[in-house]
C-alpha atoms as a PDB file:
ATOM      1  CA  TRP A   1      -0.390  -0.169   0.231  1.00  0.00           C
ATOM      2  CA  ALA A   2       3.277   2.393   0.872  1.00  0.00           C
ATOM      3  CA  ARG A   3       4.748   2.234  -2.839  1.00  0.00           C
ATOM      4  CA  ALA A   4       0.978   2.969  -4.700  1.00  0.00           C
ATOM      5  CA  ALA A   5       0.001   5.804  -1.899  1.00  0.00           C
ATOM      6  CA  ILE A   6       3.021   7.363  -2.624  1.00  0.00           C
ATOM      7  CA  PHE A   7       3.033   7.187  -6.465  1.00  0.00           C
ATOM      8  CA  TRP A   8      -0.693   8.175  -6.863  1.00  0.00           C
ATOM      9  CA  GLY A   9       0.008  10.653  -3.890  1.00  0.00           C
ATOM     10  CA  SER A  10       2.737  12.922  -5.509  1.00  0.00           C
ATOM     11  CA  ASP A  11       1.005  12.390  -9.002  1.00  0.00           C
ATOM     12  CA  ARG A  12      -2.589  13.881  -7.003  1.00  0.00           C
ATOM     13  CA  GLY A  13      -0.444  16.718  -5.334  1.00  0.00           C
ATOM     14  CA  LYS A  14       1.754  17.502  -8.572  1.00  0.00           C
ATOM     15  CA  GLU A  15      -1.414  18.412 -10.417  1.00  0.00           C
ATOM     16  CA  VAL A  16      -3.128  20.114  -7.116  1.00  0.00           C
ATOM     17  CA  LEU A  17       0.127  22.237  -7.009  1.00  0.00           C
ATOM     18  CA  LYS A  18       0.660  22.727 -10.518  1.00  0.00           C
ATOM     19  CA  ALA A  19      -3.604  24.055 -10.209  1.00  0.00           C
ATOM     20  CA  ALA A  20      -2.634  26.134  -7.808  1.00  0.00           C
ATOM     21  CA  PHE A  21       0.565  27.534  -8.356  1.00  0.00           C
ATOM     22  CA  PRO A  22       0.608  27.851 -12.059  1.00  0.00           C
ATOM     23  CA  THR A  23       3.197  30.290 -12.226  1.00  0.00           C
ATOM     24  CA  ALA A  24       5.599  28.411  -9.528  1.00  0.00           C
ATOM     25  CA  PRO A  25       8.597  26.628 -10.684  1.00  0.00           C
ATOM     26  CA  SER A  26       8.314  22.980 -12.468  1.00  0.00           C
ATOM     27  CA  SER A  27      10.955  21.728  -9.900  1.00  0.00           C
ATOM     28  CA  PHE A  28       8.609  23.015  -6.922  1.00  0.00           C
ATOM     29  CA  HIS A  29       5.473  21.097  -8.516  1.00  0.00           C
ATOM     30  CA  THR A  30       7.649  17.905  -8.674  1.00  0.00           C
ATOM     31  CA  ILE A  31       9.622  17.543  -6.024  1.00  0.00           C
ATOM     32  CA  LEU A  32       7.473  18.993  -2.942  1.00  0.00           C
ATOM     33  CA  PRO A  33       4.523  15.927  -3.173  1.00  0.00           C
ATOM     34  CA  PRO A  34       6.681  12.961  -3.131  1.00  0.00           C
ATOM     35  CA  LEU A  35       8.717  14.643  -0.521  1.00  0.00           C
ATOM     36  CA  LEU A  36       5.757  15.188   1.673  1.00  0.00           C
ATOM     37  CA  VAL A  37       3.516  11.978   1.076  1.00  0.00           C
ATOM     38  CA  SER A  38       6.779   9.673   1.586  1.00  0.00           C
ATOM     39  CA  THR A  39       7.999  11.331   5.043  1.00  0.00           C
ATOM     40  CA  GLY A  40       4.443  10.875   5.974  1.00  0.00           C
ATOM     41  CA  VAL A  41       4.138   7.051   4.668  1.00  0.00           C
ATOM     42  CA  GLN A  42       7.366   6.120   6.158  1.00  0.00           C
ATOM     43  CA  CYS A  43       6.241   7.557   9.783  1.00  0.00           C
ATOM     44  CA  ILE A  44       3.097   5.401   9.341  1.00  0.00           C
ATOM     45  CA  ASN A  45       4.709   2.560   8.092  1.00  0.00           C
ATOM     46  CA  GLN A  46       7.780   2.267  10.355  1.00  0.00           C
ATOM     47  CA  PRO A  47       6.501  -0.094  12.890  1.00  0.00           C
ATOM     48  CA  ILE A  48       5.715  -2.528  10.212  1.00  0.00           C
ATOM     49  CA  VAL A  49       8.676  -1.929   8.073  1.00  0.00           C
ATOM     50  CA  ARG A  50      11.236  -2.321  11.657  1.00  0.00           C
ATOM     51  CA  ALA A  51       8.954  -5.691  12.662  1.00  0.00           C
ATOM     52  CA  SER A  52       9.900  -7.186   8.835  1.00  0.00           C
ATOM     53  CA  VAL A  53      13.829  -6.119   9.656  1.00  0.00           C
ATOM     54  CA  THR A  54      13.378  -8.047  12.651  1.00  0.00           C
ATOM     55  CA  LEU A  55      11.735 -11.267  11.442  1.00  0.00           C
ATOM     56  CA  GLN A  56      14.693 -11.406   8.719  1.00  0.00           C
ATOM     57  CA  ASN A  57      17.211 -11.769  11.308  1.00  0.00           C
ATOM     58  CA  PRO A  58      18.472 -15.554  11.122  1.00  0.00           C
ATOM     59  CA  GLU A  59      18.203 -15.029  15.356  1.00  0.00           C
ATOM     60  CA  SER A  60      15.231 -14.168  15.223  1.00  0.00           C
ATOM     61  CA  ASN A  61      12.463 -17.086  16.430  1.00  0.00           C
ATOM     62  CA  LEU A  62       9.517 -14.654  16.342  1.00  0.00           C
ATOM     63  CA  PRO A  63       6.823 -16.196  14.351  1.00  0.00           C
ATOM     64  CA  ASN A  64       5.023 -13.429  12.632  1.00  0.00           C
ATOM     65  CA  THR A  65       5.074  -9.509  12.090  1.00  0.00           C
ATOM     66  CA  ARG A  66       2.162  -9.259  15.217  1.00  0.00           C
ATOM     67  CA  GLU A  67       4.546 -11.005  17.252  1.00  0.00           C
ATOM     68  CA  ALA A  68       7.368  -8.960  16.243  1.00  0.00           C
ATOM     69  CA  ILE A  69       5.543  -5.513  17.532  1.00  0.00           C
ATOM     70  CA  LYS A  70       4.596  -7.317  20.688  1.00  0.00           C
ATOM     71  CA  PHE A  71       8.161  -7.756  21.133  1.00  0.00           C
ATOM     72  CA  MET A  72       9.515  -4.640  20.295  1.00  0.00           C
ATOM     73  CA  TYR A  73       6.834  -2.574  22.268  1.00  0.00           C
ATOM     74  CA  ARG A  74       7.916  -5.047  25.480  1.00  0.00           C
ATOM     75  CA  ASN A  75      11.598  -4.376  25.271  1.00  0.00           C
ATOM     76  CA  HIS A  76      12.083  -1.110  23.614  1.00  0.00           C
ATOM     77  CA  GLY A  77       8.703   0.828  24.684  1.00  0.00           C
ATOM     78  CA  LEU A  78       6.305   2.674  22.198  1.00  0.00           C
ATOM     79  CA  GLY A  79       9.257   4.506  21.286  1.00  0.00           C
ATOM     80  CA  GLY A  80      10.847   1.824  20.004  1.00  0.00           C
ATOM     81  CA  LEU A  81       8.414   0.969  17.551  1.00  0.00           C
ATOM     82  CA  TRP A  82       9.430   4.105  15.103  1.00  0.00           C
ATOM     83  CA  HIS A  83      13.197   3.631  16.093  1.00  0.00           C
ATOM     84  CA  GLY A  84      15.464   4.007  13.089  1.00  0.00           C
ATOM     85  CA  THR A  85      12.764   6.374  11.515  1.00  0.00           C
ATOM     86  CA  SER A  86      15.246   9.278  10.811  1.00  0.00           C
ATOM     87  CA  ALA A  87      17.292   6.345   8.504  1.00  0.00           C
ATOM     88  CA  GLY A  88      13.709   5.019   6.929  1.00  0.00           C
ATOM     89  CA  ILE A  89      13.056   8.192   5.912  1.00  0.00           C
ATOM     90  CA  LEU A  90      15.987   9.161   4.602  1.00  0.00           C
ATOM     91  CA  LYS A  91      16.143   5.603   2.468  1.00  0.00           C
ATOM     92  CA  THR A  92      12.298   6.197   1.594  1.00  0.00           C
ATOM     93  CA  VAL A  93      12.313   9.948   0.745  1.00  0.00           C
ATOM     94  CA  PRO A  94      14.970  10.348  -1.496  1.00  0.00           C
ATOM     95  CA  LYS A  95      14.280   6.866  -3.127  1.00  0.00           C
ATOM     96  CA  TYR A  96      10.773   7.584  -4.066  1.00  0.00           C
ATOM     97  CA  CYS A  97      11.531  11.719  -4.527  1.00  0.00           C
ATOM     98  CA  THR A  98      14.515  10.573  -7.225  1.00  0.00           C
ATOM     99  CA  ALA A  99      12.483   7.504  -8.575  1.00  0.00           C
ATOM    100  CA  ILE A 100       9.554  10.452  -9.545  1.00  0.00           C
ATOM    101  CA  ILE A 101      11.988  13.170 -11.010  1.00  0.00           C
ATOM    102  CA  ILE A 102      13.828  10.263 -13.257  1.00  0.00           C
ATOM    103  CA  LYS A 103       9.979   9.187 -14.430  1.00  0.00           C
ATOM    104  CA  ASP A 104       9.340  12.788 -14.925  1.00  0.00           C
ATOM    105  CA  TYR A 105      12.152  13.301 -16.747  1.00  0.00           C
ATOM    106  CA  MET A 106      12.147  10.249 -18.886  1.00  0.00           C
ATOM    107  CA  GLU A 107       8.555  11.158 -19.857  1.00  0.00           C
ATOM    108  CA  SER A 108       9.338  14.998 -21.225  1.00  0.00           C
ATOM    109  CA  VAL A 109      12.636  13.099 -22.905  1.00  0.00           C
ATOM    110  CA  LEU A 110      11.348   9.951 -24.498  1.00  0.00           C
ATOM    111  CA  PRO A 111       9.863  10.447 -27.943  1.00  0.00           C
ATOM    112  CA  VAL A 112       5.953  10.944 -28.088  1.00  0.00           C
ATOM    113  CA  VAL A 113       4.536   7.999 -29.670  1.00  0.00           C
ATOM    114  CA  ASP A 114       2.132   8.323 -32.702  1.00  0.00           C
ATOM    115  CA  PRO A 115      -1.191   8.332 -31.968  1.00  0.00           C
ATOM    116  CA  THR A 116      -2.081   6.930 -35.823  1.00  0.00           C
ATOM    117  CA  SER A 117       0.634   4.139 -35.312  1.00  0.00           C
ATOM    118  CA  PRO A 118      -0.633   0.672 -35.770  1.00  0.00           C
ATOM    119  CA  THR A 119       1.204  -0.731 -33.150  1.00  0.00           C
ATOM    120  CA  TYR A 120       0.733   2.588 -31.062  1.00  0.00           C
ATOM    121  CA  ASN A 121      -0.327  -0.170 -27.954  1.00  0.00           C
ATOM    122  CA  THR A 122       2.719  -1.573 -27.925  1.00  0.00           C
ATOM    123  CA  ASP A 123       4.852   1.302 -28.681  1.00  0.00           C
ATOM    124  CA  VAL A 124       3.234   3.086 -25.372  1.00  0.00           C
ATOM    125  CA  LEU A 125       4.218  -0.314 -23.227  1.00  0.00           C
ATOM    126  CA  ILE A 126       7.618  -0.268 -24.497  1.00  0.00           C
ATOM    127  CA  ARG A 127       8.102   3.765 -23.530  1.00  0.00           C
ATOM    128  CA  SER A 128       6.569   2.998 -20.259  1.00  0.00           C
ATOM    129  CA  ALA A 129       8.886   0.015 -19.651  1.00  0.00           C
ATOM    130  CA  ALA A 130      11.590   2.042 -20.578  1.00  0.00           C
ATOM    131  CA  LYS A 131      10.973   5.220 -18.280  1.00  0.00           C
ATOM    132  CA  SER A 132       9.928   2.581 -15.426  1.00  0.00           C
ATOM    133  CA  MET A 133      13.536   0.797 -15.309  1.00  0.00           C
ATOM    134  CA  ALA A 134      15.228   4.118 -15.352  1.00  0.00           C
ATOM    135  CA  ALA A 135      13.491   5.577 -12.483  1.00  0.00           C
ATOM    136  CA  GLY A 136      13.751   1.842 -10.656  1.00  0.00           C
ATOM    137  CA  VAL A 137      17.257   1.700 -10.956  1.00  0.00           C
ATOM    138  CA  ALA A 138      18.280   5.186 -10.095  1.00  0.00           C
ATOM    139  CA  GLY A 139      15.626   5.219  -6.823  1.00  0.00           C
ATOM    140  CA  ALA A 140      17.726   1.831  -5.799  1.00  0.00           C
ATOM    141  CA  ALA A 141      21.017   2.775  -6.316  1.00  0.00           C
ATOM    142  CA  LEU A 142      21.368   6.228  -5.000  1.00  0.00           C
ATOM    143  CA  THR A 143      19.677   5.470  -1.825  1.00  0.00           C
ATOM    144  CA  ASN A 144      21.779   1.802  -1.159  1.00  0.00           C
ATOM    145  CA  PRO A 145      23.296   3.342   1.657  1.00  0.00           C
ATOM    146  CA  PHE A 146      20.415   4.509   3.435  1.00  0.00           C
ATOM    147  CA  ASP A 147      19.189   0.904   3.487  1.00  0.00           C
ATOM    148  CA  VAL A 148      22.594  -0.484   4.945  1.00  0.00           C
ATOM    149  CA  ILE A 149      22.370   2.458   7.656  1.00  0.00           C
ATOM    150  CA  ARG A 150      18.407   1.201   8.573  1.00  0.00           C
ATOM    151  CA  ASN A 151      18.810  -2.349   8.681  1.00  0.00           C
ATOM    152  CA  GLU A 152      21.974  -2.073  11.119  1.00  0.00           C
ATOM    153  CA  MET A 153      20.016   0.360  12.869  1.00  0.00           C
ATOM    154  CA  PHE A 154      17.436  -2.104  13.586  1.00  0.00           C
ATOM    155  CA  LYS A 155      19.778  -5.019  14.051  1.00  0.00           C
ATOM    156  CA  GLU A 156      22.483  -3.197  16.454  1.00  0.00           C
ATOM    157  CA  ASN A 157      19.561  -0.831  18.283  1.00  0.00           C
ATOM    158  CA  LYS A 158      22.211   2.156  17.902  1.00  0.00           C
ATOM    159  CA  SER A 159      21.630   5.709  17.108  1.00  0.00           C
ATOM    160  CA  LEU A 160      22.098   6.960  13.314  1.00  0.00           C
ATOM    161  CA  VAL A 161      25.362   8.402  13.862  1.00  0.00           C
ATOM    162  CA  ASP A 162      26.528   5.500  15.772  1.00  0.00           C
ATOM    163  CA  THR A 163      25.559   3.194  13.525  1.00  0.00           C
ATOM    164  CA  VAL A 164      27.162   5.505  10.565  1.00  0.00           C
ATOM    165  CA  LYS A 165      30.562   5.344  12.322  1.00  0.00           C
ATOM    166  CA  SER A 166      30.251   1.574  13.246  1.00  0.00           C
ATOM    167  CA  LEU A 167      29.953   0.825   9.503  1.00  0.00           C
ATOM    168  CA  GLN A 168      32.373   3.106   8.321  1.00  0.00           C
ATOM    169  CA  LYS A 169      35.101   1.846  10.963  1.00  0.00           C
ATOM    170  CA  GLU A 170      34.249  -2.050   9.937  1.00  0.00           C
ATOM    171  CA  LEU A 171      33.597  -1.556   6.292  1.00  0.00           C
ATOM    172  CA  GLY A 172      35.014   1.389   5.035  1.00  0.00           C
ATOM    173  CA  TRP A 173      32.784   3.896   2.632  1.00  0.00           C
ATOM    174  CA  ARG A 174      32.315   0.381   0.980  1.00  0.00           C
ATOM    175  CA  PHE A 175      29.726  -0.102   2.730  1.00  0.00           C
ATOM    176  CA  MET A 176      27.836   2.482   0.593  1.00  0.00           C
ATOM    177  CA  LEU A 177      28.080  -0.972  -1.859  1.00  0.00           C
ATOM    178  CA  ARG A 178      26.987  -3.673   0.349  1.00  0.00           C
ATOM    179  CA  GLY A 179      23.706  -5.306  -0.663  1.00  0.00           C
ATOM    180  CA  ILE A 180      23.332  -3.302  -3.814  1.00  0.00           C
ATOM    181  CA  GLY A 181      22.788  -6.272  -5.841  1.00  0.00           C
ATOM    182  CA  LYS A 182      20.181  -7.637  -3.514  1.00  0.00           C
ATOM    183  CA  ASN A 183      18.311  -3.710  -3.185  1.00  0.00           C
ATOM    184  CA  MET A 184      18.285  -3.994  -7.145  1.00  0.00           C
ATOM    185  CA  VAL A 185      15.937  -6.801  -6.749  1.00  0.00           C
ATOM    186  CA  ALA A 186      14.323  -5.876  -3.778  1.00  0.00           C
ATOM    187  CA  VAL A 187      13.293  -1.931  -4.916  1.00  0.00           C
ATOM    188  CA  ALA A 188      14.170  -1.559  -8.789  1.00  0.00           C
ATOM    189  CA  ILE A 189      11.599  -4.333  -9.612  1.00  0.00           C
ATOM    190  CA  PRO A 190       8.849  -2.947  -7.608  1.00  0.00           C
ATOM    191  CA  ILE A 191       9.528   0.337  -8.212  1.00  0.00           C
ATOM    192  CA  ALA A 192       9.206  -0.615 -11.872  1.00  0.00           C
ATOM    193  CA  CYS A 193       6.644  -2.792 -11.845  1.00  0.00           C
ATOM    194  CA  THR A 194       4.434   0.035  -9.780  1.00  0.00           C
ATOM    195  CA  ILE A 195       5.250   2.904 -12.291  1.00  0.00           C
ATOM    196  CA  PHE A 196       5.027   0.131 -15.668  1.00  0.00           C
ATOM    197  CA  PHE A 197       1.575  -1.139 -14.204  1.00  0.00           C
ATOM    198  CA  THR A 198      -0.047   1.731 -13.421  1.00  0.00           C
ATOM    199  CA  ASP A 199       0.751   3.382 -16.681  1.00  0.00           C
ATOM    200  CA  ALA A 200      -0.687   0.072 -18.589  1.00  0.00           C
ATOM    201  CA  LEU A 201      -4.051   0.354 -16.409  1.00  0.00           C
ATOM    202  CA  ILE A 202      -4.182   4.174 -17.544  1.00  0.00           C
ATOM    203  CA  GLN A 203      -3.495   3.394 -21.012  1.00  0.00           C
ATOM    204  CA  LEU A 204      -6.572   0.168 -21.272  1.00  0.00           C
ATOM    205  CA  LYS A 205      -8.592   2.992 -19.334  1.00  0.00           C
ATOM    206  CA  LEU A 206      -8.161   5.518 -22.247  1.00  0.00           C
ATOM    207  CA  LYS A 207      -8.336   2.448 -25.205  1.00  0.00           C
ATOM    208  CA  LYS A 208     -11.855   1.457 -23.253  1.00  0.00           C
ATOM    209  CA  LYS A 209     -12.767   4.936 -23.445  1.00  0.00           C
ATOM    210  CA  ARG A 210     -11.520   5.668 -27.329  1.00  0.00           C
ATOM    211  CA  SER A 211     -13.490   2.326 -28.397  1.00  0.00           C
ATOM    212  CA  SER A 212     -16.752   3.794 -26.757  1.00  0.00           C
ATOM    213  CA  LEU A 213     -16.566   6.971 -28.055  1.00  0.00           C
ATOM    214  CA  GLU A 214     -16.147   5.476 -31.453  1.00  0.00           C
ATOM    215  CA  GLY A 215     -19.226   3.210 -30.692  1.00  0.00           C
ATOM    216  CA  ALA A 216     -21.408   5.920 -30.121  1.00  0.00           C
ATOM    217  CA  GLN A 217     -20.370   8.112 -32.935  1.00  0.00           C
ATOM    218  CA  LYS A 218     -21.200   5.171 -35.452  1.00  0.00           C
ATOM    219  CA  GLN A 219     -24.120   4.828 -34.004  1.00  0.00           C
END
């Protein structure tokens, strides 16, 4: 739900800002909505995110997310459920802002599909796939260090500053690349799929609308 909320909220927020502030810079319309929406979503979703990371720990014997949340509450109190929120925001917000900026950039630079082309629908999907992949890879690669920091915070229950110092001491600045391959699978593919299938559904809706209009005109 989080990813869908961020992309929908960002697109909707961009439309609202364009209508309310038509003379504002395009960067304002593009960056502010994902910045606000992704921050809000991350804060709401943080207990579930932390529970899922806890369950992934090989040393954990907790059976499910509910028990993980109970465990964290008993051992660290209510505030413990939101431990790592700062790192989560540092990972989530730049990731989705980057993905949305790249998505909009690719939308503006990719050739517009000729609506009279006999392969119009296929061409639109190919264009969407290129845009989606670029956004997904950029979002995952540029924010991988924040993912490493967040997971380490959850694992060691340390502060943001102490976690960065510990990682830098142990691995040097190479820690920024740790797990980037897995991150490409875990982050880039879902982001790309979300953008692509959203475009595909929009295209399907437009196709049905055109078919209805053509049918009405023939009658």
